[in-house]
Amino acid sequence: MRPRRKIKGEDELREEAAINAELVSLSTHPSWPELEREVARKREKIERYLTRKMLSGIEPVNQREVDLLRGVIEGMTWLVARPTSAERSLERYLADRQNVQIGEE
């Protein structure tokens, strides 16, 4: 059973929207595309390493290492995707705020 989500207050929602706005601005920074390219390069390097190790057959593959590297890849992917998901959250928040204001008028 999933735990119930805490209902956020107006202040918490406003603070979250401000944080999301700052995260969205990251994706427009001139260095952001370079970060995305570097993450892609690192991912390819890790995948090539694991493929070589698995196909070599010289030594057994350590599942812990595979899991660790998979987690590293997922973490890097999440980091690069964060501004995009923050932008969607910000858009939802603003749309909700607009609907509330329209309903109150």
PDB file of N, CA and C in Angstrom:
ATOM      1  N   MET A   1       0.837  -1.168   0.000  1.00  0.00           N
ATOM      2  CA  MET A   1       0.000   0.000   0.000  1.00  0.00           C
ATOM      3  C   MET A   1       0.889   1.241   0.000  1.00  0.00           C
ATOM      4  N   ARG A   2       0.566   2.177  -0.861  1.00  0.00           N
ATOM      5  CA  ARG A   2       1.351   3.400  -0.967  1.00  0.00           C
ATOM      6  C   ARG A   2       0.964   4.377   0.132  1.00  0.00           C
ATOM      7  N   PRO A   3       1.943   5.077   0.677  1.00  0.00           N
ATOM      8  CA  PRO A   3       1.608   6.085   1.683  1.00  0.00           C
ATOM      9  C   PRO A   3       0.863   7.244   1.033  1.00  0.00           C
ATOM     10  N   ARG A   4       0.016   7.869   1.818  1.00  0.00           N
ATOM     11  CA  ARG A   4      -0.742   9.005   1.299  1.00  0.00           C
ATOM     12  C   ARG A   4       0.172  10.198   1.105  1.00  0.00           C
ATOM     13  N   ARG A   5      -0.119  10.938   0.071  1.00  0.00           N
ATOM     14  CA  ARG A   5       0.660  12.145  -0.182  1.00  0.00           C
ATOM     15  C   ARG A   5       0.205  13.254   0.748  1.00  0.00           C
ATOM     16  N   LYS A   6       1.184  13.999   1.221  1.00  0.00           N
ATOM     17  CA  LYS A   6       0.892  15.148   2.069  1.00  0.00           C
ATOM     18  C   LYS A   6       0.323  16.256   1.190  1.00  0.00           C
ATOM     19  N   ILE A   7      -0.766  16.844   1.616  1.00  0.00           N
ATOM     20  CA  ILE A   7      -1.353  17.954   0.881  1.00  0.00           C
ATOM     21  C   ILE A   7      -0.511  19.185   1.160  1.00  0.00           C
ATOM     22  N   LYS A   8      -0.046  19.813   0.084  1.00  0.00           N
ATOM     23  CA  LYS A   8       0.848  20.947   0.225  1.00  0.00           C
ATOM     24  C   LYS A   8       0.049  22.226   0.420  1.00  0.00           C
ATOM     25  N   GLY A   9       0.576  23.063   1.293  1.00  0.00           N
ATOM     26  CA  GLY A   9      -0.038  24.363   1.522  1.00  0.00           C
ATOM     27  C   GLY A   9       0.365  25.346   0.439  1.00  0.00           C
ATOM     28  N   GLU A  10      -0.270  26.512   0.462  1.00  0.00           N
ATOM     29  CA  GLU A  10      -0.007  27.542  -0.539  1.00  0.00           C
ATOM     30  C   GLU A  10       1.453  27.983  -0.527  1.00  0.00           C
ATOM     31  N   ASP A  11       2.034  28.141   0.660  1.00  0.00           N
ATOM     32  CA  ASP A  11       3.434  28.561   0.755  1.00  0.00           C
ATOM     33  C   ASP A  11       4.376  27.507   0.175  1.00  0.00           C
ATOM     34  N   GLU A  12       4.101  26.239   0.471  1.00  0.00           N
ATOM     35  CA  GLU A  12       4.933  25.159  -0.057  1.00  0.00           C
ATOM     36  C   GLU A  12       4.848  25.096  -1.579  1.00  0.00           C
ATOM     37  N   LEU A  13       3.648  25.269  -2.112  1.00  0.00           N
ATOM     38  CA  LEU A  13       3.474  25.245  -3.558  1.00  0.00           C
ATOM     39  C   LEU A  13       4.205  26.413  -4.214  1.00  0.00           C
ATOM     40  N   ARG A  14       4.128  27.576  -3.598  1.00  0.00           N
ATOM     41  CA  ARG A  14       4.801  28.759  -4.138  1.00  0.00           C
ATOM     42  C   ARG A  14       6.321  28.568  -4.124  1.00  0.00           C
ATOM     43  N   GLU A  15       6.829  28.021  -3.015  1.00  0.00           N
ATOM     44  CA  GLU A  15       8.265  27.771  -2.913  1.00  0.00           C
ATOM     45  C   GLU A  15       8.721  26.742  -3.943  1.00  0.00           C
ATOM     46  N   GLU A  16       7.941  25.689  -4.108  1.00  0.00           N
ATOM     47  CA  GLU A  16       8.263  24.661  -5.100  1.00  0.00           C
ATOM     48  C   GLU A  16       8.261  25.246  -6.507  1.00  0.00           C
ATOM     49  N   ALA A  17       7.310  26.126  -6.794  1.00  0.00           N
ATOM     50  CA  ALA A  17       7.254  26.763  -8.112  1.00  0.00           C
ATOM     51  C   ALA A  17       8.481  27.639  -8.338  1.00  0.00           C
ATOM     52  N   ALA A  18       8.929  28.343  -7.307  1.00  0.00           N
ATOM     53  CA  ALA A  18      10.123  29.189  -7.439  1.00  0.00           C
ATOM     54  C   ALA A  18      11.364  28.332  -7.711  1.00  0.00           C
ATOM     55  N   ILE A  19      11.478  27.222  -7.005  1.00  0.00           N
ATOM     56  CA  ILE A  19      12.608  26.306  -7.228  1.00  0.00           C
ATOM     57  C   ILE A  19      12.557  25.746  -8.641  1.00  0.00           C
ATOM     58  N   ASN A  20      11.365  25.342  -9.079  1.00  0.00           N
ATOM     59  CA  ASN A  20      11.222  24.803 -10.432  1.00  0.00           C
ATOM     60  C   ASN A  20      11.578  25.848 -11.487  1.00  0.00           C
ATOM     61  N   ALA A  21      11.220  27.105 -11.230  1.00  0.00           N
ATOM     62  CA  ALA A  21      11.566  28.173 -12.173  1.00  0.00           C
ATOM     63  C   ALA A  21      13.084  28.317 -12.283  1.00  0.00           C
ATOM     64  N   GLU A  22      13.767  28.218 -11.155  1.00  0.00           N
ATOM     65  CA  GLU A  22      15.232  28.301 -11.181  1.00  0.00           C
ATOM     66  C   GLU A  22      15.839  27.100 -11.902  1.00  0.00           C
ATOM     67  N   LEU A  23      15.264  25.916 -11.691  1.00  0.00           N
ATOM     68  CA  LEU A  23      15.762  24.728 -12.383  1.00  0.00           C
ATOM     69  C   LEU A  23      15.540  24.827 -13.891  1.00  0.00           C
ATOM     70  N   VAL A  24      14.409  25.393 -14.286  1.00  0.00           N
ATOM     71  CA  VAL A  24      14.125  25.555 -15.707  1.00  0.00           C
ATOM     72  C   VAL A  24      15.176  26.461 -16.339  1.00  0.00           C
ATOM     73  N   SER A  25      15.594  27.482 -15.604  1.00  0.00           N
ATOM     74  CA  SER A  25      16.589  28.403 -16.162  1.00  0.00           C
ATOM     75  C   SER A  25      17.925  27.707 -16.408  1.00  0.00           C
ATOM     76  N   LEU A  26      18.186  26.602 -15.715  1.00  0.00           N
ATOM     77  CA  LEU A  26      19.424  25.858 -15.965  1.00  0.00           C
ATOM     78  C   LEU A  26      19.515  25.373 -17.404  1.00  0.00           C
ATOM     79  N   SER A  27      18.400  24.923 -17.933  1.00  0.00           N
ATOM     80  CA  SER A  27      18.421  24.357 -19.281  1.00  0.00           C
ATOM     81  C   SER A  27      18.691  25.408 -20.346  1.00  0.00           C
ATOM     82  N   THR A  28      18.556  26.685 -20.010  1.00  0.00           N
ATOM     83  CA  THR A  28      18.852  27.741 -20.979  1.00  0.00           C
ATOM     84  C   THR A  28      20.273  28.282 -20.824  1.00  0.00           C
ATOM     85  N   HIS A  29      20.985  27.773 -19.838  1.00  0.00           N
ATOM     86  CA  HIS A  29      22.374  28.214 -19.627  1.00  0.00           C
ATOM     87  C   HIS A  29      23.228  27.730 -20.803  1.00  0.00           C
ATOM     88  N   PRO A  30      24.180  28.555 -21.257  1.00  0.00           N
ATOM     89  CA  PRO A  30      24.995  28.173 -22.422  1.00  0.00           C
ATOM     90  C   PRO A  30      25.785  26.874 -22.234  1.00  0.00           C
ATOM     91  N   SER A  31      26.101  26.508 -21.003  1.00  0.00           N
ATOM     92  CA  SER A  31      26.880  25.289 -20.766  1.00  0.00           C
ATOM     93  C   SER A  31      26.016  24.036 -20.659  1.00  0.00           C
ATOM     94  N   TRP A  32      24.718  24.190 -20.596  1.00  0.00           N
ATOM     95  CA  TRP A  32      23.844  23.033 -20.400  1.00  0.00           C
ATOM     96  C   TRP A  32      23.987  21.986 -21.509  1.00  0.00           C
ATOM     97  N   PRO A  33      24.022  22.384 -22.788  1.00  0.00           N
ATOM     98  CA  PRO A  33      24.195  21.365 -23.843  1.00  0.00           C
ATOM     99  C   PRO A  33      25.487  20.569 -23.675  1.00  0.00           C
ATOM    100  N   GLU A  34      26.530  21.223 -23.189  1.00  0.00           N
ATOM    101  CA  GLU A  34      27.798  20.505 -22.963  1.00  0.00           C
ATOM    102  C   GLU A  34      27.633  19.465 -21.855  1.00  0.00           C
ATOM    103  N   LEU A  35      26.886  19.807 -20.799  1.00  0.00           N
ATOM    104  CA  LEU A  35      26.617  18.836 -19.738  1.00  0.00           C
ATOM    105  C   LEU A  35      25.857  17.641 -20.298  1.00  0.00           C
ATOM    106  N   GLU A  36      24.858  17.900 -21.128  1.00  0.00           N
ATOM    107  CA  GLU A  36      24.091  16.807 -21.736  1.00  0.00           C
ATOM    108  C   GLU A  36      24.994  15.910 -22.590  1.00  0.00           C
ATOM    109  N   ARG A  37      25.892  16.529 -23.374  1.00  0.00           N
ATOM    110  CA  ARG A  37      26.806  15.744 -24.208  1.00  0.00           C
ATOM    111  C   ARG A  37      27.765  14.926 -23.334  1.00  0.00           C
ATOM    112  N   GLU A  38      28.236  15.517 -22.251  1.00  0.00           N
ATOM    113  CA  GLU A  38      29.157  14.804 -21.363  1.00  0.00           C
ATOM    114  C   GLU A  38      28.471  13.611 -20.704  1.00  0.00           C
ATOM    115  N   VAL A  39      27.222  13.792 -20.295  1.00  0.00           N
ATOM    116  CA  VAL A  39      26.464  12.676 -19.711  1.00  0.00           C
ATOM    117  C   VAL A  39      26.306  11.568 -20.742  1.00  0.00           C
ATOM    118  N   ALA A  40      26.008  11.924 -21.981  1.00  0.00           N
ATOM    119  CA  ALA A  40      25.867  10.913 -23.030  1.00  0.00           C
ATOM    120  C   ALA A  40      27.197  10.190 -23.260  1.00  0.00           C
ATOM    121  N   ARG A  41      28.316  10.932 -23.257  1.00  0.00           N
ATOM    122  CA  ARG A  41      29.628  10.303 -23.434  1.00  0.00           C
ATOM    123  C   ARG A  41      29.931   9.336 -22.289  1.00  0.00           C
ATOM    124  N   LYS A  42      29.666   9.770 -21.066  1.00  0.00           N
ATOM    125  CA  LYS A  42      29.929   8.912 -19.899  1.00  0.00           C
ATOM    126  C   LYS A  42      29.068   7.657 -19.959  1.00  0.00           C
ATOM    127  N   ARG A  43      27.809   7.823 -20.351  1.00  0.00           N
ATOM    128  CA  ARG A  43      26.913   6.673 -20.449  1.00  0.00           C
ATOM    129  C   ARG A  43      27.448   5.663 -21.466  1.00  0.00           C
ATOM    130  N   GLU A  44      27.843   6.157 -22.630  1.00  0.00           N
ATOM    131  CA  GLU A  44      28.395   5.265 -23.657  1.00  0.00           C
ATOM    132  C   GLU A  44      29.659   4.575 -23.163  1.00  0.00           C
ATOM    133  N   LYS A  45      30.507   5.293 -22.462  1.00  0.00           N
ATOM    134  CA  LYS A  45      31.746   4.717 -21.940  1.00  0.00           C
ATOM    135  C   LYS A  45      31.453   3.592 -20.946  1.00  0.00           C
ATOM    136  N   ILE A  46      30.504   3.829 -20.051  1.00  0.00           N
ATOM    137  CA  ILE A  46      30.131   2.804 -19.062  1.00  0.00           C
ATOM    138  C   ILE A  46      29.534   1.591 -19.766  1.00  0.00           C
ATOM    139  N   GLU A  47      28.647   1.837 -20.748  1.00  0.00           N
ATOM    140  CA  GLU A  47      28.020   0.729 -21.461  1.00  0.00           C
ATOM    141  C   GLU A  47      29.054  -0.085 -22.247  1.00  0.00           C
ATOM    142  N   ARG A  48      30.026   0.590 -22.879  1.00  0.00           N
ATOM    143  CA  ARG A  48      31.083  -0.134 -23.599  1.00  0.00           C
ATOM    144  C   ARG A  48      31.918  -0.977 -22.635  1.00  0.00           C
ATOM    145  N   TYR A  49      32.234  -0.394 -21.473  1.00  0.00           N
ATOM    146  CA  TYR A  49      33.003  -1.112 -20.458  1.00  0.00           C
ATOM    147  C   TYR A  49      32.271  -2.383 -20.028  1.00  0.00           C
ATOM    148  N   LEU A  50      30.992  -2.253 -19.714  1.00  0.00           N
ATOM    149  CA  LEU A  50      30.222  -3.418 -19.265  1.00  0.00           C
ATOM    150  C   LEU A  50      30.088  -4.464 -20.375  1.00  0.00           C
ATOM    151  N   THR A  51      29.880  -4.009 -21.596  1.00  0.00           N
ATOM    152  CA  THR A  51      29.754  -4.942 -22.721  1.00  0.00           C
ATOM    153  C   THR A  51      31.050  -5.715 -22.926  1.00  0.00           C
ATOM    154  N   ARG A  52      32.184  -4.998 -22.908  1.00  0.00           N
ATOM    155  CA  ARG A  52      33.487  -5.667 -23.064  1.00  0.00           C
ATOM    156  C   ARG A  52      33.700  -6.695 -21.962  1.00  0.00           C
ATOM    157  N   LYS A  53      33.371  -6.297 -20.751  1.00  0.00           N
ATOM    158  CA  LYS A  53      33.590  -7.182 -19.605  1.00  0.00           C
ATOM    159  C   LYS A  53      32.724  -8.442 -19.714  1.00  0.00           C
ATOM    160  N   MET A  54      31.466  -8.268 -20.122  1.00  0.00           N
ATOM    161  CA  MET A  54      30.558  -9.410 -20.220  1.00  0.00           C
ATOM    162  C   MET A  54      30.952 -10.341 -21.361  1.00  0.00           C
ATOM    163  N   LEU A  55      31.367  -9.776 -22.478  1.00  0.00           N
ATOM    164  CA  LEU A  55      31.697 -10.599 -23.643  1.00  0.00           C
ATOM    165  C   LEU A  55      33.082 -11.232 -23.556  1.00  0.00           C
ATOM    166  N   SER A  56      33.950 -10.688 -22.721  1.00  0.00           N
ATOM    167  CA  SER A  56      35.306 -11.244 -22.629  1.00  0.00           C
ATOM    168  C   SER A  56      35.290 -12.648 -22.044  1.00  0.00           C
ATOM    169  N   GLY A  57      34.450 -12.897 -21.072  1.00  0.00           N
ATOM    170  CA  GLY A  57      34.349 -14.215 -20.463  1.00  0.00           C
ATOM    171  C   GLY A  57      35.554 -14.603 -19.629  1.00  0.00           C
ATOM    172  N   ILE A  58      36.484 -13.699 -19.436  1.00  0.00           N
ATOM    173  CA  ILE A  58      37.693 -13.992 -18.672  1.00  0.00           C
ATOM    174  C   ILE A  58      37.366 -14.181 -17.199  1.00  0.00           C
ATOM    175  N   GLU A  59      36.540 -13.314 -16.687  1.00  0.00           N
ATOM    176  CA  GLU A  59      36.147 -13.411 -15.280  1.00  0.00           C
ATOM    177  C   GLU A  59      34.649 -13.211 -15.180  1.00  0.00           C
ATOM    178  N   PRO A  60      34.033 -13.761 -14.149  1.00  0.00           N
ATOM    179  CA  PRO A  60      32.590 -13.587 -14.005  1.00  0.00           C
ATOM    180  C   PRO A  60      32.238 -12.110 -13.760  1.00  0.00           C
ATOM    181  N   VAL A  61      31.074 -11.731 -14.222  1.00  0.00           N
ATOM    182  CA  VAL A  61      30.616 -10.348 -14.053  1.00  0.00           C
ATOM    183  C   VAL A  61      30.081 -10.180 -12.640  1.00  0.00           C
ATOM    184  N   ASN A  62      30.544  -9.137 -11.996  1.00  0.00           N
ATOM    185  CA  ASN A  62      30.103  -8.831 -10.644  1.00  0.00           C
ATOM    186  C   ASN A  62      28.781  -8.061 -10.724  1.00  0.00           C
ATOM    187  N   GLN A  63      27.707  -8.684 -10.243  1.00  0.00           N
ATOM    188  CA  GLN A  63      26.392  -8.062 -10.336  1.00  0.00           C
ATOM    189  C   GLN A  63      26.325  -6.753  -9.551  1.00  0.00           C
ATOM    190  N   ARG A  64      27.057  -6.667  -8.447  1.00  0.00           N
ATOM    191  CA  ARG A  64      27.073  -5.410  -7.681  1.00  0.00           C
ATOM    192  C   ARG A  64      27.620  -4.260  -8.524  1.00  0.00           C
ATOM    193  N   GLU A  65      28.689  -4.550  -9.261  1.00  0.00           N
ATOM    194  CA  GLU A  65      29.272  -3.513 -10.110  1.00  0.00           C
ATOM    195  C   GLU A  65      28.288  -3.100 -11.204  1.00  0.00           C
ATOM    196  N   VAL A  66      27.619  -4.076 -11.799  1.00  0.00           N
ATOM    197  CA  VAL A  66      26.628  -3.783 -12.836  1.00  0.00           C
ATOM    198  C   VAL A  66      25.511  -2.912 -12.253  1.00  0.00           C
ATOM    199  N   ASP A  67      25.019  -3.285 -11.078  1.00  0.00           N
ATOM    200  CA  ASP A  67      23.948  -2.516 -10.447  1.00  0.00           C
ATOM    201  C   ASP A  67      24.399  -1.103 -10.092  1.00  0.00           C
ATOM    202  N   LEU A  68      25.633  -0.989  -9.592  1.00  0.00           N
ATOM    203  CA  LEU A  68      26.172   0.328  -9.246  1.00  0.00           C
ATOM    204  C   LEU A  68      26.257   1.209 -10.486  1.00  0.00           C
ATOM    205  N   LEU A  69      26.807   0.672 -11.556  1.00  0.00           N
ATOM    206  CA  LEU A  69      26.944   1.467 -12.779  1.00  0.00           C
ATOM    207  C   LEU A  69      25.589   1.798 -13.397  1.00  0.00           C
ATOM    208  N   ARG A  70      24.638   0.895 -13.275  1.00  0.00           N
ATOM    209  CA  ARG A  70      23.283   1.187 -13.748  1.00  0.00           C
ATOM    210  C   ARG A  70      22.697   2.350 -12.952  1.00  0.00           C
ATOM    211  N   GLY A  71      22.942   2.349 -11.636  1.00  0.00           N
ATOM    212  CA  GLY A  71      22.477   3.460 -10.790  1.00  0.00           C
ATOM    213  C   GLY A  71      23.140   4.777 -11.151  1.00  0.00           C
ATOM    214  N   VAL A  72      24.430   4.722 -11.488  1.00  0.00           N
ATOM    215  CA  VAL A  72      25.143   5.932 -11.913  1.00  0.00           C
ATOM    216  C   VAL A  72      24.517   6.485 -13.187  1.00  0.00           C
ATOM    217  N   ILE A  73      24.239   5.605 -14.137  1.00  0.00           N
ATOM    218  CA  ILE A  73      23.611   6.032 -15.397  1.00  0.00           C
ATOM    219  C   ILE A  73      22.234   6.641 -15.120  1.00  0.00           C
ATOM    220  N   GLU A  74      21.438   5.989 -14.298  1.00  0.00           N
ATOM    221  CA  GLU A  74      20.108   6.513 -13.992  1.00  0.00           C
ATOM    222  C   GLU A  74      20.195   7.861 -13.281  1.00  0.00           C
ATOM    223  N   GLY A  75      21.171   8.012 -12.392  1.00  0.00           N
ATOM    224  CA  GLY A  75      21.347   9.290 -11.692  1.00  0.00           C
ATOM    225  C   GLY A  75      21.739  10.408 -12.637  1.00  0.00           C
ATOM    226  N   MET A  76      22.663  10.121 -13.552  1.00  0.00           N
ATOM    227  CA  MET A  76      23.068  11.140 -14.525  1.00  0.00           C
ATOM    228  C   MET A  76      21.896  11.511 -15.437  1.00  0.00           C
ATOM    229  N   THR A  77      21.139  10.511 -15.845  1.00  0.00           N
ATOM    230  CA  THR A  77      19.977  10.758 -16.706  1.00  0.00           C
ATOM    231  C   THR A  77      18.946  11.607 -15.983  1.00  0.00           C
ATOM    232  N   TRP A  78      18.706  11.302 -14.711  1.00  0.00           N
ATOM    233  CA  TRP A  78      17.752  12.082 -13.916  1.00  0.00           C
ATOM    234  C   TRP A  78      18.218  13.531 -13.797  1.00  0.00           C
ATOM    235  N   LEU A  79      19.515  13.717 -13.546  1.00  0.00           N
ATOM    236  CA  LEU A  79      20.049  15.067 -13.383  1.00  0.00           C
ATOM    237  C   LEU A  79      19.830  15.901 -14.637  1.00  0.00           C
ATOM    238  N   VAL A  80      20.091  15.319 -15.791  1.00  0.00           N
ATOM    239  CA  VAL A  80      19.929  16.058 -17.044  1.00  0.00           C
ATOM    240  C   VAL A  80      18.452  16.314 -17.342  1.00  0.00           C
ATOM    241  N   ALA A  81      17.575  15.400 -16.954  1.00  0.00           N
ATOM    242  CA  ALA A  81      16.148  15.555 -17.224  1.00  0.00           C
ATOM    243  C   ALA A  81      15.450  16.464 -16.209  1.00  0.00           C
ATOM    244  N   ARG A  82      16.094  16.782 -15.113  1.00  0.00           N
ATOM    245  CA  ARG A  82      15.451  17.545 -14.035  1.00  0.00           C
ATOM    246  C   ARG A  82      14.879  18.886 -14.485  1.00  0.00           C
ATOM    247  N   PRO A  83      15.602  19.716 -15.257  1.00  0.00           N
ATOM    248  CA  PRO A  83      14.998  20.980 -15.684  1.00  0.00           C
ATOM    249  C   PRO A  83      13.743  20.796 -16.520  1.00  0.00           C
ATOM    250  N   THR A  84      13.719  19.751 -17.349  1.00  0.00           N
ATOM    251  CA  THR A  84      12.537  19.493 -18.174  1.00  0.00           C
ATOM    252  C   THR A  84      11.346  19.118 -17.312  1.00  0.00           C
ATOM    253  N   SER A  85      11.561  18.242 -16.328  1.00  0.00           N
ATOM    254  CA  SER A  85      10.453  17.866 -15.451  1.00  0.00           C
ATOM    255  C   SER A  85      10.058  19.040 -14.562  1.00  0.00           C
ATOM    256  N   ALA A  86      11.024  19.883 -14.184  1.00  0.00           N
ATOM    257  CA  ALA A  86      10.703  21.076 -13.395  1.00  0.00           C
ATOM    258  C   ALA A  86       9.851  22.033 -14.217  1.00  0.00           C
ATOM    259  N   GLU A  87      10.153  22.127 -15.506  1.00  0.00           N
ATOM    260  CA  GLU A  87       9.370  23.007 -16.371  1.00  0.00           C
ATOM    261  C   GLU A  87       7.923  22.531 -16.457  1.00  0.00           C
ATOM    262  N   ARG A  88       7.736  21.222 -16.589  1.00  0.00           N
ATOM    263  CA  ARG A  88       6.366  20.684 -16.627  1.00  0.00           C
ATOM    264  C   ARG A  88       5.643  20.943 -15.312  1.00  0.00           C
ATOM    265  N   SER A  89       6.359  20.768 -14.184  1.00  0.00           N
ATOM    266  CA  SER A  89       5.749  21.032 -12.876  1.00  0.00           C
ATOM    267  C   SER A  89       5.364  22.492 -12.739  1.00  0.00           C
ATOM    268  N   LEU A  90       6.239  23.373 -13.198  1.00  0.00           N
ATOM    269  CA  LEU A  90       5.963  24.805 -13.124  1.00  0.00           C
ATOM    270  C   LEU A  90       4.761  25.157 -13.988  1.00  0.00           C
ATOM    271  N   GLU A  91       4.692  24.593 -15.180  1.00  0.00           N
ATOM    272  CA  GLU A  91       3.551  24.849 -16.053  1.00  0.00           C
ATOM    273  C   GLU A  91       2.251  24.365 -15.418  1.00  0.00           C
ATOM    274  N   ARG A  92       2.288  23.181 -14.791  1.00  0.00           N
ATOM    275  CA  ARG A  92       1.087  22.671 -14.104  1.00  0.00           C
ATOM    276  C   ARG A  92       0.686  23.597 -12.967  1.00  0.00           C
ATOM    277  N   TYR A  93       1.673  24.041 -12.184  1.00  0.00           N
ATOM    278  CA  TYR A  93       1.393  24.934 -11.058  1.00  0.00           C
ATOM    279  C   TYR A  93       0.758  26.228 -11.556  1.00  0.00           C
ATOM    280  N   LEU A  94       1.346  26.808 -12.592  1.00  0.00           N
ATOM    281  CA  LEU A  94       0.808  28.070 -13.112  1.00  0.00           C
ATOM    282  C   LEU A  94      -0.584  27.873 -13.706  1.00  0.00           C
ATOM    283  N   ALA A  95      -0.801  26.756 -14.372  1.00  0.00           N
ATOM    284  CA  ALA A  95      -2.121  26.480 -14.927  1.00  0.00           C
ATOM    285  C   ALA A  95      -3.149  26.321 -13.804  1.00  0.00           C
ATOM    286  N   ASP A  96      -2.762  25.633 -12.732  1.00  0.00           N
ATOM    287  CA  ASP A  96      -3.665  25.467 -11.585  1.00  0.00           C
ATOM    288  C   ASP A  96      -3.968  26.814 -10.943  1.00  0.00           C
ATOM    289  N   ARG A  97      -2.945  27.643 -10.788  1.00  0.00           N
ATOM    290  CA  ARG A  97      -3.131  28.969 -10.192  1.00  0.00           C
ATOM    291  C   ARG A  97      -4.063  29.808 -11.044  1.00  0.00           C
ATOM    292  N   GLN A  98      -3.910  29.724 -12.352  1.00  0.00           N
ATOM    293  CA  GLN A  98      -4.743  30.484 -13.251  1.00  0.00           C
ATOM    294  C   GLN A  98      -6.198  30.031 -13.144  1.00  0.00           C
ATOM    295  N   ASN A  99      -6.399  28.731 -13.077  1.00  0.00           N
ATOM    296  CA  ASN A  99      -7.760  28.208 -12.947  1.00  0.00           C
ATOM    297  C   ASN A  99      -8.382  28.645 -11.632  1.00  0.00           C
ATOM    298  N   VAL A 100      -7.613  28.648 -10.562  1.00  0.00           N
ATOM    299  CA  VAL A 100      -8.128  29.076  -9.260  1.00  0.00           C
ATOM    300  C   VAL A 100      -8.506  30.541  -9.316  1.00  0.00           C
ATOM    301  N   GLN A 101      -7.645  31.382  -9.893  1.00  0.00           N
ATOM    302  CA  GLN A 101      -7.940  32.807  -9.973  1.00  0.00           C
ATOM    303  C   GLN A 101      -9.141  33.075 -10.850  1.00  0.00           C
ATOM    304  N   ILE A 102      -9.259  32.360 -11.961  1.00  0.00           N
ATOM    305  CA  ILE A 102     -10.400  32.541 -12.840  1.00  0.00           C
ATOM    306  C   ILE A 102     -11.678  32.139 -12.118  1.00  0.00           C
ATOM    307  N   GLY A 103     -11.606  31.056 -11.363  1.00  0.00           N
ATOM    308  CA  GLY A 103     -12.780  30.587 -10.633  1.00  0.00           C
ATOM    309  C   GLY A 103     -13.205  31.548  -9.534  1.00  0.00           C
ATOM    310  N   GLU A 104     -12.262  32.281  -8.938  1.00  0.00           N
ATOM    311  CA  GLU A 104     -12.579  33.197  -7.853  1.00  0.00           C
ATOM    312  C   GLU A 104     -13.137  34.514  -8.350  1.00  0.00           C
ATOM    313  N   GLU A 105     -12.818  34.884  -9.603  1.00  0.00           N
ATOM    314  CA  GLU A 105     -13.265  36.171 -10.125  1.00  0.00           C
ATOM    315  C   GLU A 105     -14.720  36.216 -10.411  1.00  0.00           C
TER     316      GLU A 105
END
